[in-house]
C-alpha atoms as a PDB file:
ATOM      1  CA  MET A   1      17.685  26.507 -16.120  1.00  0.00           C
ATOM      2  CA  GLU A   2      18.046  22.751 -16.773  1.00  0.00           C
ATOM      3  CA  LEU A   3      16.659  20.331 -14.203  1.00  0.00           C
ATOM      4  CA  ASP A   4      18.743  17.349 -13.143  1.00  0.00           C
ATOM      5  CA  LEU A   5      16.434  14.346 -13.671  1.00  0.00           C
ATOM      6  CA  GLY A   6      18.355  12.351 -11.057  1.00  0.00           C
ATOM      7  CA  ALA A   7      17.687  15.075  -8.499  1.00  0.00           C
ATOM      8  CA  VAL A   8      14.010  15.178  -9.458  1.00  0.00           C
ATOM      9  CA  ARG A   9      13.799  11.387  -9.054  1.00  0.00           C
ATOM     10  CA  ALA A  10      15.462  11.641  -5.619  1.00  0.00           C
ATOM     11  CA  PHE A  11      12.925  14.267  -4.493  1.00  0.00           C
ATOM     12  CA  VAL A  12       9.971  12.107  -5.615  1.00  0.00           C
ATOM     13  CA  ALA A  13      11.414   9.060  -3.844  1.00  0.00           C
ATOM     14  CA  VAL A  14      11.766  10.944  -0.543  1.00  0.00           C
ATOM     15  CA  ALA A  15       8.287  12.467  -0.920  1.00  0.00           C
ATOM     16  CA  ASP A  16       6.856   8.954  -1.399  1.00  0.00           C
ATOM     17  CA  ASP A  17       8.909   7.113   1.238  1.00  0.00           C
ATOM     18  CA  ARG A  18       9.038   9.984   3.780  1.00  0.00           C
ATOM     19  CA  TYR A  19      12.522   8.910   4.810  1.00  0.00           C
ATOM     20  CA  PHE A  20      15.827   9.692   3.078  1.00  0.00           C
ATOM     21  CA  SER A  21      17.197   6.304   4.139  1.00  0.00           C
ATOM     22  CA  GLU A  22      14.327   4.355   2.543  1.00  0.00           C
ATOM     23  CA  ALA A  23      14.475   6.464  -0.616  1.00  0.00           C
ATOM     24  CA  ALA A  24      18.202   5.716  -0.850  1.00  0.00           C
ATOM     25  CA  ILE A  25      17.538   1.968  -0.629  1.00  0.00           C
ATOM     26  CA  ARG A  26      14.889   2.149  -3.359  1.00  0.00           C
ATOM     27  CA  LEU A  27      17.138   4.127  -5.713  1.00  0.00           C
ATOM     28  CA  GLU A  28      20.168   2.004  -4.755  1.00  0.00           C
ATOM     29  CA  ILE A  29      22.367   4.978  -3.883  1.00  0.00           C
ATOM     30  CA  SER A  30      23.709   6.316  -0.592  1.00  0.00           C
ATOM     31  CA  GLN A  31      21.659   8.449   1.771  1.00  0.00           C
ATOM     32  CA  GLN A  32      24.291  11.166   1.402  1.00  0.00           C
ATOM     33  CA  ALA A  33      23.799  11.131  -2.364  1.00  0.00           C
ATOM     34  CA  ILE A  34      20.023  11.466  -1.932  1.00  0.00           C
ATOM     35  CA  SER A  35      20.483  14.451   0.395  1.00  0.00           C
ATOM     36  CA  LYS A  36      22.895  16.147  -2.004  1.00  0.00           C
ATOM     37  CA  ARG A  37      20.578  15.680  -4.973  1.00  0.00           C
ATOM     38  CA  VAL A  38      17.582  17.101  -3.133  1.00  0.00           C
ATOM     39  CA  ALA A  39      19.658  20.015  -1.832  1.00  0.00           C
ATOM     40  CA  LYS A  40      20.875  20.763  -5.372  1.00  0.00           C
ATOM     41  CA  LEU A  41      17.332  20.666  -6.720  1.00  0.00           C
ATOM     42  CA  GLU A  42      16.146  23.052  -4.004  1.00  0.00           C
ATOM     43  CA  SER A  43      19.065  25.351  -4.801  1.00  0.00           C
ATOM     44  CA  ASP A  44      18.324  25.273  -8.535  1.00  0.00           C
ATOM     45  CA  LEU A  45      14.629  26.026  -7.972  1.00  0.00           C
ATOM     46  CA  GLY A  46      15.254  28.546  -5.210  1.00  0.00           C
ATOM     47  CA  VAL A  47      12.606  27.027  -2.906  1.00  0.00           C
ATOM     48  CA  ARG A  48      12.469  24.567  -0.035  1.00  0.00           C
ATOM     49  CA  LEU A  49      10.799  21.346  -1.200  1.00  0.00           C
ATOM     50  CA  LEU A  50      11.000  19.151   1.901  1.00  0.00           C
ATOM     51  CA  SER A  51      10.599  19.765   5.592  1.00  0.00           C
ATOM     52  CA  ARG A  52      12.077  17.337   8.120  1.00  0.00           C
ATOM     53  CA  THR A  53       9.699  16.289  10.942  1.00  0.00           C
ATOM     54  CA  ARG A  54       9.705  13.638  13.655  1.00  0.00           C
ATOM     55  CA  GLY A  55       7.646  11.465  11.326  1.00  0.00           C
ATOM     56  CA  GLY A  56      10.092  11.811   8.442  1.00  0.00           C
ATOM     57  CA  ALA A  57      10.349  14.262   5.546  1.00  0.00           C
ATOM     58  CA  GLU A  58       7.176  16.017   4.392  1.00  0.00           C
ATOM     59  CA  PRO A  59       6.774  18.083   1.201  1.00  0.00           C
ATOM     60  CA  THR A  60       6.388  21.810   1.823  1.00  0.00           C
ATOM     61  CA  GLU A  61       3.654  23.789   0.078  1.00  0.00           C
ATOM     62  CA  ASP A  62       6.090  24.459  -2.784  1.00  0.00           C
ATOM     63  CA  GLY A  63       7.096  20.790  -2.701  1.00  0.00           C
ATOM     64  CA  GLU A  64       3.499  19.602  -3.053  1.00  0.00           C
ATOM     65  CA  GLU A  65       2.998  21.905  -6.041  1.00  0.00           C
ATOM     66  CA  PHE A  66       6.218  20.723  -7.708  1.00  0.00           C
ATOM     67  CA  LEU A  67       5.560  17.027  -6.951  1.00  0.00           C
ATOM     68  CA  THR A  68       2.873  16.629  -9.634  1.00  0.00           C
ATOM     69  CA  HIS A  69       5.166  18.054 -12.308  1.00  0.00           C
ATOM     70  CA  ALA A  70       8.105  15.997 -11.016  1.00  0.00           C
ATOM     71  CA  ARG A  71       6.151  12.750 -11.373  1.00  0.00           C
ATOM     72  CA  ALA A  72       5.181  13.721 -14.917  1.00  0.00           C
ATOM     73  CA  LEU A  73       8.816  14.462 -15.840  1.00  0.00           C
ATOM     74  CA  ILE A  74      10.004  11.078 -14.576  1.00  0.00           C
ATOM     75  CA  SER A  75       7.140   9.261 -16.270  1.00  0.00           C
ATOM     76  CA  LEU A  76       7.862  10.888 -19.645  1.00  0.00           C
ATOM     77  CA  ALA A  77      11.572  10.130 -19.351  1.00  0.00           C
ATOM     78  CA  ASP A  78      10.914   6.479 -18.483  1.00  0.00           C
ATOM     79  CA  GLN A  79       8.468   6.076 -21.349  1.00  0.00           C
ATOM     80  CA  ALA A  80      10.945   7.592 -23.813  1.00  0.00           C
ATOM     81  CA  VAL A  81      13.678   5.178 -22.745  1.00  0.00           C
ATOM     82  CA  GLU A  82      11.331   2.180 -22.968  1.00  0.00           C
ATOM     83  CA  ARG A  83      10.199   3.056 -26.481  1.00  0.00           C
ATOM     84  CA  LEU A  84      13.785   3.510 -27.650  1.00  0.00           C
ATOM     85  CA  HIS A  85      14.721   0.119 -26.278  1.00  0.00           C
ATOM     86  CA  GLY A  86      12.065  -1.392 -28.540  1.00  0.00           C
ATOM     87  CA  ARG A  87      11.847  -4.678 -26.666  1.00  0.00           C
ATOM     88  CA  ARG A  88       9.445  -6.403 -24.320  1.00  0.00           C
ATOM     89  CA  ARG A  89       9.992  -5.363 -20.744  1.00  0.00           C
ATOM     90  CA  ALA A  90       8.946  -6.824 -17.424  1.00  0.00           C
ATOM     91  CA  LEU A  91       5.400  -6.176 -16.210  1.00  0.00           C
ATOM     92  CA  ARG A  92       5.602  -3.476 -13.547  1.00  0.00           C
ATOM     93  CA  VAL A  93       3.257  -4.084 -10.627  1.00  0.00           C
ATOM     94  CA  ASP A  94       2.807  -1.790  -7.632  1.00  0.00           C
ATOM     95  CA  VAL A  95       2.390  -4.187  -4.695  1.00  0.00           C
ATOM     96  CA  LEU A  96       2.114  -1.461  -2.020  1.00  0.00           C
ATOM     97  CA  GLY A  97       4.729  -3.117   0.187  1.00  0.00           C
ATOM     98  CA  THR A  98       6.836  -6.266   0.217  1.00  0.00           C
ATOM     99  CA  ARG A  99       5.445  -7.339   3.614  1.00  0.00           C
ATOM    100  CA  LEU A 100       1.807  -7.227   2.502  1.00  0.00           C
ATOM    101  CA  ALA A 101      -0.636  -9.883   1.298  1.00  0.00           C
ATOM    102  CA  THR A 102      -0.314  -8.543  -2.234  1.00  0.00           C
ATOM    103  CA  MET A 103       3.057 -10.305  -2.378  1.00  0.00           C
ATOM    104  CA  GLU A 104       1.280 -13.630  -1.811  1.00  0.00           C
ATOM    105  CA  VAL A 105      -0.963 -12.909  -4.805  1.00  0.00           C
ATOM    106  CA  ILE A 106       2.047 -12.088  -6.991  1.00  0.00           C
ATOM    107  CA  ARG A 107       4.002 -15.151  -5.812  1.00  0.00           C
ATOM    108  CA  ALA A 108       1.060 -17.410  -6.665  1.00  0.00           C
ATOM    109  CA  PHE A 109       0.824 -15.802 -10.103  1.00  0.00           C
ATOM    110  CA  HIS A 110       4.549 -16.165 -10.735  1.00  0.00           C
ATOM    111  CA  SER A 111       4.473 -19.839  -9.768  1.00  0.00           C
ATOM    112  CA  GLU A 112       1.962 -20.446 -12.578  1.00  0.00           C
ATOM    113  CA  HIS A 113       3.457 -18.060 -15.145  1.00  0.00           C
ATOM    114  CA  ASP A 114       7.164 -17.642 -15.647  1.00  0.00           C
ATOM    115  CA  ASP A 115       6.739 -14.151 -17.114  1.00  0.00           C
ATOM    116  CA  GLU A 116       9.167 -11.494 -15.946  1.00  0.00           C
ATOM    117  CA  LEU A 117       7.853  -9.147 -13.236  1.00  0.00           C
ATOM    118  CA  GLU A 118       9.152  -5.950 -11.703  1.00  0.00           C
ATOM    119  CA  LEU A 119       7.664  -5.170  -8.284  1.00  0.00           C
ATOM    120  CA  VAL A 120       7.308  -1.527  -7.311  1.00  0.00           C
ATOM    121  CA  THR A 121       6.892   0.049  -3.867  1.00  0.00           C
ATOM    122  CA  PRO A 122       5.571   2.139  -2.201  1.00  0.00           C
ATOM    123  CA  GLY A 123       2.067   2.017  -3.566  1.00  0.00           C
ATOM    124  CA  LEU A 124      -0.830   4.314  -4.229  1.00  0.00           C
ATOM    125  CA  GLY A 125      -1.544   6.795  -1.467  1.00  0.00           C
ATOM    126  CA  ALA A 126      -5.003   7.828  -0.359  1.00  0.00           C
ATOM    127  CA  ASP A 127      -4.884  10.847  -2.677  1.00  0.00           C
ATOM    128  CA  ARG A 128      -4.226   8.623  -5.735  1.00  0.00           C
ATOM    129  CA  ARG A 129      -6.678   5.816  -5.027  1.00  0.00           C
ATOM    130  CA  SER A 130      -8.472   6.022  -8.376  1.00  0.00           C
ATOM    131  CA  LEU A 131      -5.382   6.885 -10.390  1.00  0.00           C
ATOM    132  CA  LEU A 132      -2.572   4.822 -11.845  1.00  0.00           C
ATOM    133  CA  PRO A 133       0.964   6.207 -12.250  1.00  0.00           C
ATOM    134  CA  GLU A 134       2.317   6.055 -15.776  1.00  0.00           C
ATOM    135  CA  SER A 135       5.359   4.229 -14.416  1.00  0.00           C
ATOM    136  CA  VAL A 136       3.453   0.991 -13.614  1.00  0.00           C
ATOM    137  CA  ASP A 137       1.261  -1.426 -15.569  1.00  0.00           C
ATOM    138  CA  ALA A 138      -0.913  -2.518 -12.653  1.00  0.00           C
ATOM    139  CA  ALA A 139      -1.319  -1.643  -8.991  1.00  0.00           C
ATOM    140  CA  PHE A 140      -2.972  -3.018  -5.879  1.00  0.00           C
ATOM    141  CA  ALA A 141      -4.979  -0.565  -3.786  1.00  0.00           C
ATOM    142  CA  ARG A 142      -8.116  -0.133  -1.737  1.00  0.00           C
ATOM    143  CA  VAL A 143     -10.666   1.260  -4.196  1.00  0.00           C
ATOM    144  CA  SER A 144     -14.162   1.925  -2.830  1.00  0.00           C
ATOM    145  CA  THR A 145     -15.165   4.458  -5.494  1.00  0.00           C
ATOM    146  CA  VAL A 146     -15.477   4.294  -9.271  1.00  0.00           C
ATOM    147  CA  PRO A 147     -11.961   4.506 -10.805  1.00  0.00           C
ATOM    148  CA  SER A 148     -10.998   7.317 -13.143  1.00  0.00           C
ATOM    149  CA  PRO A 149     -12.028   6.954 -16.813  1.00  0.00           C
ATOM    150  CA  GLY A 150      -9.723   4.594 -18.677  1.00  0.00           C
ATOM    151  CA  ILE A 151      -8.788   2.645 -15.526  1.00  0.00           C
ATOM    152  CA  GLY A 152      -9.877  -0.972 -15.118  1.00  0.00           C
ATOM    153  CA  ARG A 153     -10.505  -2.498 -11.684  1.00  0.00           C
ATOM    154  CA  THR A 154     -11.216  -5.938 -10.307  1.00  0.00           C
ATOM    155  CA  PRO A 155     -11.410  -7.217  -6.690  1.00  0.00           C
ATOM    156  CA  ALA A 156      -8.155  -8.975  -5.846  1.00  0.00           C
ATOM    157  CA  TYR A 157      -8.040 -10.159  -2.247  1.00  0.00           C
ATOM    158  CA  LEU A 158      -9.776  -9.811   1.123  1.00  0.00           C
ATOM    159  CA  GLU A 159      -7.163 -10.125   3.854  1.00  0.00           C
ATOM    160  CA  PRO A 160      -8.382 -11.168   7.318  1.00  0.00           C
ATOM    161  CA  ALA A 161      -7.138  -9.065  10.229  1.00  0.00           C
ATOM    162  CA  ASN A 162      -5.415 -10.620  13.241  1.00  0.00           C
ATOM    163  CA  LEU A 163      -5.045  -9.231  16.728  1.00  0.00           C
ATOM    164  CA  LEU A 164      -1.455  -8.504  17.780  1.00  0.00           C
ATOM    165  CA  VAL A 165      -0.639  -8.595  21.525  1.00  0.00           C
ATOM    166  CA  GLY A 166       2.219  -9.282  23.907  1.00  0.00           C
ATOM    167  CA  ARG A 167       2.400 -12.594  25.774  1.00  0.00           C
ATOM    168  CA  ARG A 168       1.412 -10.895  29.058  1.00  0.00           C
ATOM    169  CA  HIS A 169      -1.804  -9.535  27.557  1.00  0.00           C
ATOM    170  CA  PRO A 170      -5.049 -11.180  28.839  1.00  0.00           C
ATOM    171  CA  PHE A 171      -5.856 -12.337  25.279  1.00  0.00           C
ATOM    172  CA  ALA A 172      -2.441 -13.893  24.647  1.00  0.00           C
ATOM    173  CA  ARG A 173      -3.532 -17.516  25.240  1.00  0.00           C
ATOM    174  CA  ARG A 174      -6.744 -17.265  23.252  1.00  0.00           C
ATOM    175  CA  ARG A 175      -7.173 -19.191  19.968  1.00  0.00           C
ATOM    176  CA  ARG A 176      -9.551 -16.520  18.634  1.00  0.00           C
ATOM    177  CA  VAL A 177     -11.127 -13.278  19.831  1.00  0.00           C
ATOM    178  CA  ALA A 178     -14.608 -12.005  18.967  1.00  0.00           C
ATOM    179  CA  MET A 179     -14.818  -8.392  17.836  1.00  0.00           C
ATOM    180  CA  ALA A 180     -17.369  -7.627  20.574  1.00  0.00           C
ATOM    181  CA  GLU A 181     -14.686  -8.387  23.192  1.00  0.00           C
ATOM    182  CA  LEU A 182     -12.606  -5.444  21.966  1.00  0.00           C
ATOM    183  CA  ALA A 183     -15.220  -2.842  22.907  1.00  0.00           C
ATOM    184  CA  GLY A 184     -13.726  -0.266  25.272  1.00  0.00           C
ATOM    185  CA  LEU A 185     -10.140  -1.448  24.694  1.00  0.00           C
ATOM    186  CA  THR A 186      -7.444   0.745  23.137  1.00  0.00           C
ATOM    187  CA  ALA A 187      -5.525  -0.120  19.987  1.00  0.00           C
ATOM    188  CA  TRP A 188      -2.111   1.519  19.701  1.00  0.00           C
ATOM    189  CA  MET A 189      -1.786   2.629  16.082  1.00  0.00           C
ATOM    190  CA  PRO A 190       0.785   5.436  15.650  1.00  0.00           C
ATOM    191  CA  TYR A 191       0.831   4.745  11.894  1.00  0.00           C
ATOM    192  CA  ASN A 192      -2.783   6.006  11.714  1.00  0.00           C
ATOM    193  CA  ALA A 193      -1.769   9.548  12.591  1.00  0.00           C
ATOM    194  CA  ARG A 194      -1.238  10.303   8.902  1.00  0.00           C
ATOM    195  CA  ALA A 195      -4.001  10.033   6.290  1.00  0.00           C
ATOM    196  CA  SER A 196      -3.723   6.840   4.244  1.00  0.00           C
ATOM    197  CA  GLU A 197      -5.796   3.998   2.827  1.00  0.00           C
ATOM    198  CA  TRP A 198      -4.984   1.984   5.964  1.00  0.00           C
ATOM    199  CA  ALA A 199      -5.878   4.741   8.441  1.00  0.00           C
ATOM    200  CA  GLU A 200      -9.260   5.335   6.808  1.00  0.00           C
ATOM    201  CA  PHE A 201     -10.095   1.617   7.023  1.00  0.00           C
ATOM    202  CA  TRP A 202      -9.410   1.479  10.766  1.00  0.00           C
ATOM    203  CA  GLN A 203     -11.112   4.833  11.350  1.00  0.00           C
ATOM    204  CA  GLU A 204     -14.298   3.217  10.044  1.00  0.00           C
ATOM    205  CA  LEU A 205     -13.850  -0.125  11.809  1.00  0.00           C
ATOM    206  CA  CYS A 206     -12.872   0.937  15.322  1.00  0.00           C
ATOM    207  CA  PRO A 207     -15.894   3.183  16.122  1.00  0.00           C
ATOM    208  CA  GLU A 208     -18.305   0.519  14.863  1.00  0.00           C
ATOM    209  CA  PHE A 209     -16.982  -1.986  17.412  1.00  0.00           C
ATOM    210  CA  GLY A 210     -16.317   0.516  20.207  1.00  0.00           C
ATOM    211  CA  ILE A 211     -12.521   0.237  19.949  1.00  0.00           C
ATOM    212  CA  LEU A 212     -10.523   3.237  21.139  1.00  0.00           C
ATOM    213  CA  VAL A 213      -7.472   4.328  19.139  1.00  0.00           C
ATOM    214  CA  ASP A 214      -4.204   5.757  20.429  1.00  0.00           C
ATOM    215  CA  THR A 215      -2.031   7.343  17.711  1.00  0.00           C
ATOM    216  CA  ASP A 216       0.483   8.962  20.093  1.00  0.00           C
ATOM    217  CA  GLY A 217       4.191   8.498  19.541  1.00  0.00           C
ATOM    218  CA  PRO A 218       6.339   8.571  16.404  1.00  0.00           C
ATOM    219  CA  ASN A 219       5.880   5.769  13.888  1.00  0.00           C
ATOM    220  CA  PHE A 220       9.316   4.123  14.000  1.00  0.00           C
ATOM    221  CA  GLY A 221       8.202   1.195  11.869  1.00  0.00           C
ATOM    222  CA  LEU A 222       6.825  -2.301  12.339  1.00  0.00           C
ATOM    223  CA  GLU A 223       9.786  -3.685  14.296  1.00  0.00           C
ATOM    224  CA  HIS A 224       9.482  -0.944  16.923  1.00  0.00           C
ATOM    225  CA  HIS A 225       5.704  -1.378  17.054  1.00  0.00           C
ATOM    226  CA  ILE A 226       6.115  -5.078  17.821  1.00  0.00           C
ATOM    227  CA  GLU A 227       8.817  -4.414  20.414  1.00  0.00           C
ATOM    228  CA  VAL A 228       6.523  -2.012  22.314  1.00  0.00           C
ATOM    229  CA  LEU A 229       3.614  -4.478  22.220  1.00  0.00           C
ATOM    230  CA  SER A 230       5.884  -7.247  23.545  1.00  0.00           C
ATOM    231  CA  GLU A 231       6.456  -5.257  26.750  1.00  0.00           C
ATOM    232  CA  SER A 232       2.825  -4.221  27.275  1.00  0.00           C
ATOM    233  CA  THR A 233       0.053  -5.916  29.245  1.00  0.00           C
ATOM    234  CA  ASP A 234      -2.797  -3.828  27.848  1.00  0.00           C
ATOM    235  CA  ARG A 235      -1.852  -2.466  24.415  1.00  0.00           C
ATOM    236  CA  LEU A 236      -3.106  -4.222  21.326  1.00  0.00           C
ATOM    237  CA  GLY A 237      -2.563  -3.832  17.610  1.00  0.00           C
ATOM    238  CA  PHE A 238      -3.807  -5.240  14.327  1.00  0.00           C
ATOM    239  CA  VAL A 239      -2.011  -6.929  11.461  1.00  0.00           C
ATOM    240  CA  GLY A 240      -3.008  -8.635   8.237  1.00  0.00           C
ATOM    241  CA  ALA A 241      -3.122 -12.432   8.506  1.00  0.00           C
ATOM    242  CA  LYS A 242      -0.863 -12.784   5.452  1.00  0.00           C
ATOM    243  CA  MET A 243       1.443  -9.913   6.313  1.00  0.00           C
ATOM    244  CA  HIS A 244       5.084 -10.832   6.860  1.00  0.00           C
ATOM    245  CA  VAL A 245       5.631  -9.728  10.446  1.00  0.00           C
ATOM    246  CA  PRO A 246       9.065  -9.842  12.111  1.00  0.00           C
ATOM    247  CA  TRP A 247       9.091 -12.713  14.618  1.00  0.00           C
ATOM    248  CA  HIS A 248       9.243 -11.819  18.302  1.00  0.00           C
ATOM    249  CA  PRO A 249       9.175 -14.410  21.118  1.00  0.00           C
ATOM    250  CA  ASP A 250       6.845 -12.270  23.235  1.00  0.00           C
ATOM    251  CA  VAL A 251       4.258 -11.281  20.617  1.00  0.00           C
ATOM    252  CA  VAL A 252       1.384 -13.417  19.315  1.00  0.00           C
ATOM    253  CA  GLN A 253      -1.189 -13.109  16.541  1.00  0.00           C
ATOM    254  CA  ILE A 254      -4.786 -14.146  17.208  1.00  0.00           C
ATOM    255  CA  PRO A 255      -7.546 -14.486  14.561  1.00  0.00           C
ATOM    256  CA  LEU A 256     -10.515 -12.130  14.931  1.00  0.00           C
ATOM    257  CA  VAL A 257     -14.027 -13.535  14.460  1.00  0.00           C
ATOM    258  CA  ASP A 258     -17.742 -12.716  14.656  1.00  0.00           C
ATOM    259  CA  PRO A 259     -17.196 -11.045  12.239  1.00  0.00           C
ATOM    260  CA  THR A 260     -13.677 -11.187  10.785  1.00  0.00           C
ATOM    261  CA  PRO A 261     -12.534  -7.768   9.525  1.00  0.00           C
ATOM    262  CA  VAL A 262     -11.074  -8.067   6.018  1.00  0.00           C
ATOM    263  CA  TYR A 263      -8.973  -5.474   4.225  1.00  0.00           C
ATOM    264  CA  PRO A 264      -9.968  -5.017   0.552  1.00  0.00           C
ATOM    265  CA  PHE A 265      -7.321  -5.063  -2.178  1.00  0.00           C
ATOM    266  CA  SER A 266      -8.303  -4.333  -5.771  1.00  0.00           C
ATOM    267  CA  LEU A 267      -6.154  -4.560  -8.882  1.00  0.00           C
ATOM    268  CA  LEU A 268      -6.008  -1.501 -11.139  1.00  0.00           C
ATOM    269  CA  TRP A 269      -4.742  -1.278 -14.710  1.00  0.00           C
ATOM    270  CA  ARG A 270      -4.931   1.102 -17.651  1.00  0.00           C
ATOM    271  CA  LEU A 271      -7.422  -0.117 -20.257  1.00  0.00           C
ATOM    272  CA  GLU A 272      -5.185   0.958 -23.127  1.00  0.00           C
ATOM    273  CA  ASN A 273      -2.275  -1.116 -21.835  1.00  0.00           C
ATOM    274  CA  ARG A 274      -1.652  -4.140 -24.083  1.00  0.00           C
ATOM    275  CA  HIS A 275       1.240  -5.730 -22.193  1.00  0.00           C
ATOM    276  CA  PRO A 276       0.769  -9.497 -22.785  1.00  0.00           C
ATOM    277  CA  THR A 277       1.505 -10.442 -19.176  1.00  0.00           C
ATOM    278  CA  LEU A 278      -1.069  -7.965 -17.859  1.00  0.00           C
ATOM    279  CA  ARG A 279      -3.935 -10.018 -19.293  1.00  0.00           C
ATOM    280  CA  LEU A 280      -2.600 -13.129 -17.556  1.00  0.00           C
ATOM    281  CA  LEU A 281      -2.313 -11.312 -14.226  1.00  0.00           C
ATOM    282  CA  ILE A 282      -5.877  -9.962 -14.415  1.00  0.00           C
ATOM    283  CA  GLU A 283      -7.262 -13.392 -15.277  1.00  0.00           C
ATOM    284  CA  HIS A 284      -5.284 -14.973 -12.418  1.00  0.00           C
ATOM    285  CA  VAL A 285      -6.564 -12.433  -9.897  1.00  0.00           C
ATOM    286  CA  ARG A 286     -10.162 -12.844 -11.029  1.00  0.00           C
ATOM    287  CA  SER A 287     -10.077 -16.642 -10.921  1.00  0.00           C
ATOM    288  CA  ALA A 288      -8.541 -16.729  -7.432  1.00  0.00           C
ATOM    289  CA  TYR A 289     -10.770 -14.085  -5.823  1.00  0.00           C
ATOM    290  CA  ARG A 290     -13.246 -15.170  -3.148  1.00  0.00           C
ATOM    291  CA  PRO A 291     -16.102 -12.623  -2.785  1.00  0.00           C
ATOM    292  CA  PHE A 292     -17.086 -10.875   0.435  1.00  0.00           C
ATOM    293  CA  ASP A 293     -19.135 -13.015   2.830  1.00  0.00           C
ATOM    294  CA  ALA A 294     -21.448 -10.677   4.751  1.00  0.00           C
ATOM    295  CA  GLU A 295     -22.324 -13.369   7.303  1.00  0.00           C
ATOM    296  CA  ARG A 296     -18.746 -14.014   8.454  1.00  0.00           C
ATOM    297  CA  GLN A 297     -16.736 -10.960   7.398  1.00  0.00           C
ATOM    298  CA  TRP A 298     -16.765  -7.200   7.963  1.00  0.00           C
ATOM    299  CA  LEU A 299     -16.023  -4.455   5.465  1.00  0.00           C
ATOM    300  CA  PRO A 300     -16.708  -0.727   5.544  1.00  0.00           C
ATOM    301  CA  VAL A 301     -20.058  -0.036   3.870  1.00  0.00           C
ATOM    302  CA  SER A 302     -18.279   1.947   1.149  1.00  0.00           C
ATOM    303  CA  ASP A 303     -16.278  -1.164   0.104  1.00  0.00           C
ATOM    304  CA  ARG A 304     -18.987  -3.820   0.181  1.00  0.00           C
ATOM    305  CA  GLU A 305     -20.520  -3.369  -3.255  1.00  0.00           C
ATOM    306  CA  ALA A 306     -17.120  -3.222  -4.957  1.00  0.00           C
ATOM    307  CA  MET A 307     -15.855  -6.377  -3.212  1.00  0.00           C
ATOM    308  CA  SER A 308     -19.006  -8.532  -3.212  1.00  0.00           C
ATOM    309  CA  ALA A 309     -18.450 -10.161  -6.603  1.00  0.00           C
ATOM    310  CA  ALA A 310     -15.897 -10.363  -9.382  1.00  0.00           C
ATOM    311  CA  ASP A 311     -15.903  -7.198 -11.480  1.00  0.00           C
ATOM    312  CA  ASN A 312     -17.046  -7.550 -15.088  1.00  0.00           C
ATOM    313  CA  CYS A 313     -14.880  -4.685 -16.272  1.00  0.00           C
ATOM    314  CA  PRO A 314     -13.405  -5.579 -19.712  1.00  0.00           C
ATOM    315  CA  LEU A 315      -9.681  -6.133 -19.957  1.00  0.00           C
ATOM    316  CA  TRP A 316      -9.474  -3.660 -22.820  1.00  0.00           C
ATOM    317  CA  PRO A 317     -12.011  -1.054 -24.034  1.00  0.00           C
ATOM    318  CA  ASP A 318     -12.998  -3.102 -27.106  1.00  0.00           C
ATOM    319  CA  LYS A 319     -12.833  -6.645 -25.750  1.00  0.00           C
ATOM    320  CA  ALA A 320     -14.536  -8.057 -22.692  1.00  0.00           C
ATOM    321  CA  LEU A 321     -13.190 -11.012 -20.748  1.00  0.00           C
ATOM    322  CA  SER A 322     -14.458 -14.216 -22.330  1.00  0.00           C
END
């Protein structure tokens, strides 16, 4: 049996994005084409790879087992094509999401260096935090543990968290809100129902400050989340201060203080990678990073050591950063 690489790529895209529609956008084909490719792959393999749920498409047990091999197939195929091309390609950077603060870091880098970039989404999931896909040169992620051997890491950015409430909420007219004032209140966070880097961060923060969490309801995306908050007088949410949030006339963002929670982004790269633009990106990230301030900011204990100072990890195994 010969596997259709296009069908394998479609399956991986849906497994990553959880929605056929989003996978279709990423692969620049129709949703119908995505569905047909996945159906053909399932038929060829004789197993069901994806299960549709209210929260999107989830890999079945067989799908999870096949997913590792599918990623490896795509990675090998991409590498083979690149080597045959025999020319310098764009630096591929996993930015996690185009709405996130990581885009600000990349924009600042691109304004200083006119090197060609290719931005990749979605990013590393919680199960791949210390790994780096072969398909990218660098990736942003929350990394609180020692990366896998051969992977370099440096702190990249600490993003302050803002409170997100509707205009009828008691906090709506405040210029800032202290974390102690949130004790006993409920944050509506349906996107935390599934394990992720983000969910783990808030699962550590909320109990420490006595914040209750409501994960009920399907996660229909950021626009729906904002629409629900706009109509509520008691629900609250959180958002990164640099995150690109859809504007709504009845929703406001308020800085959090005493202390300010900050979400930790690190930059990962493969030490054997000699892409010339990668060195420039690492140096840019290191020079722009502002270390964790324990007096004004809050981080989970597991992140504090990694984000307290610039990492001295060498760019390459045989040459430290000068």
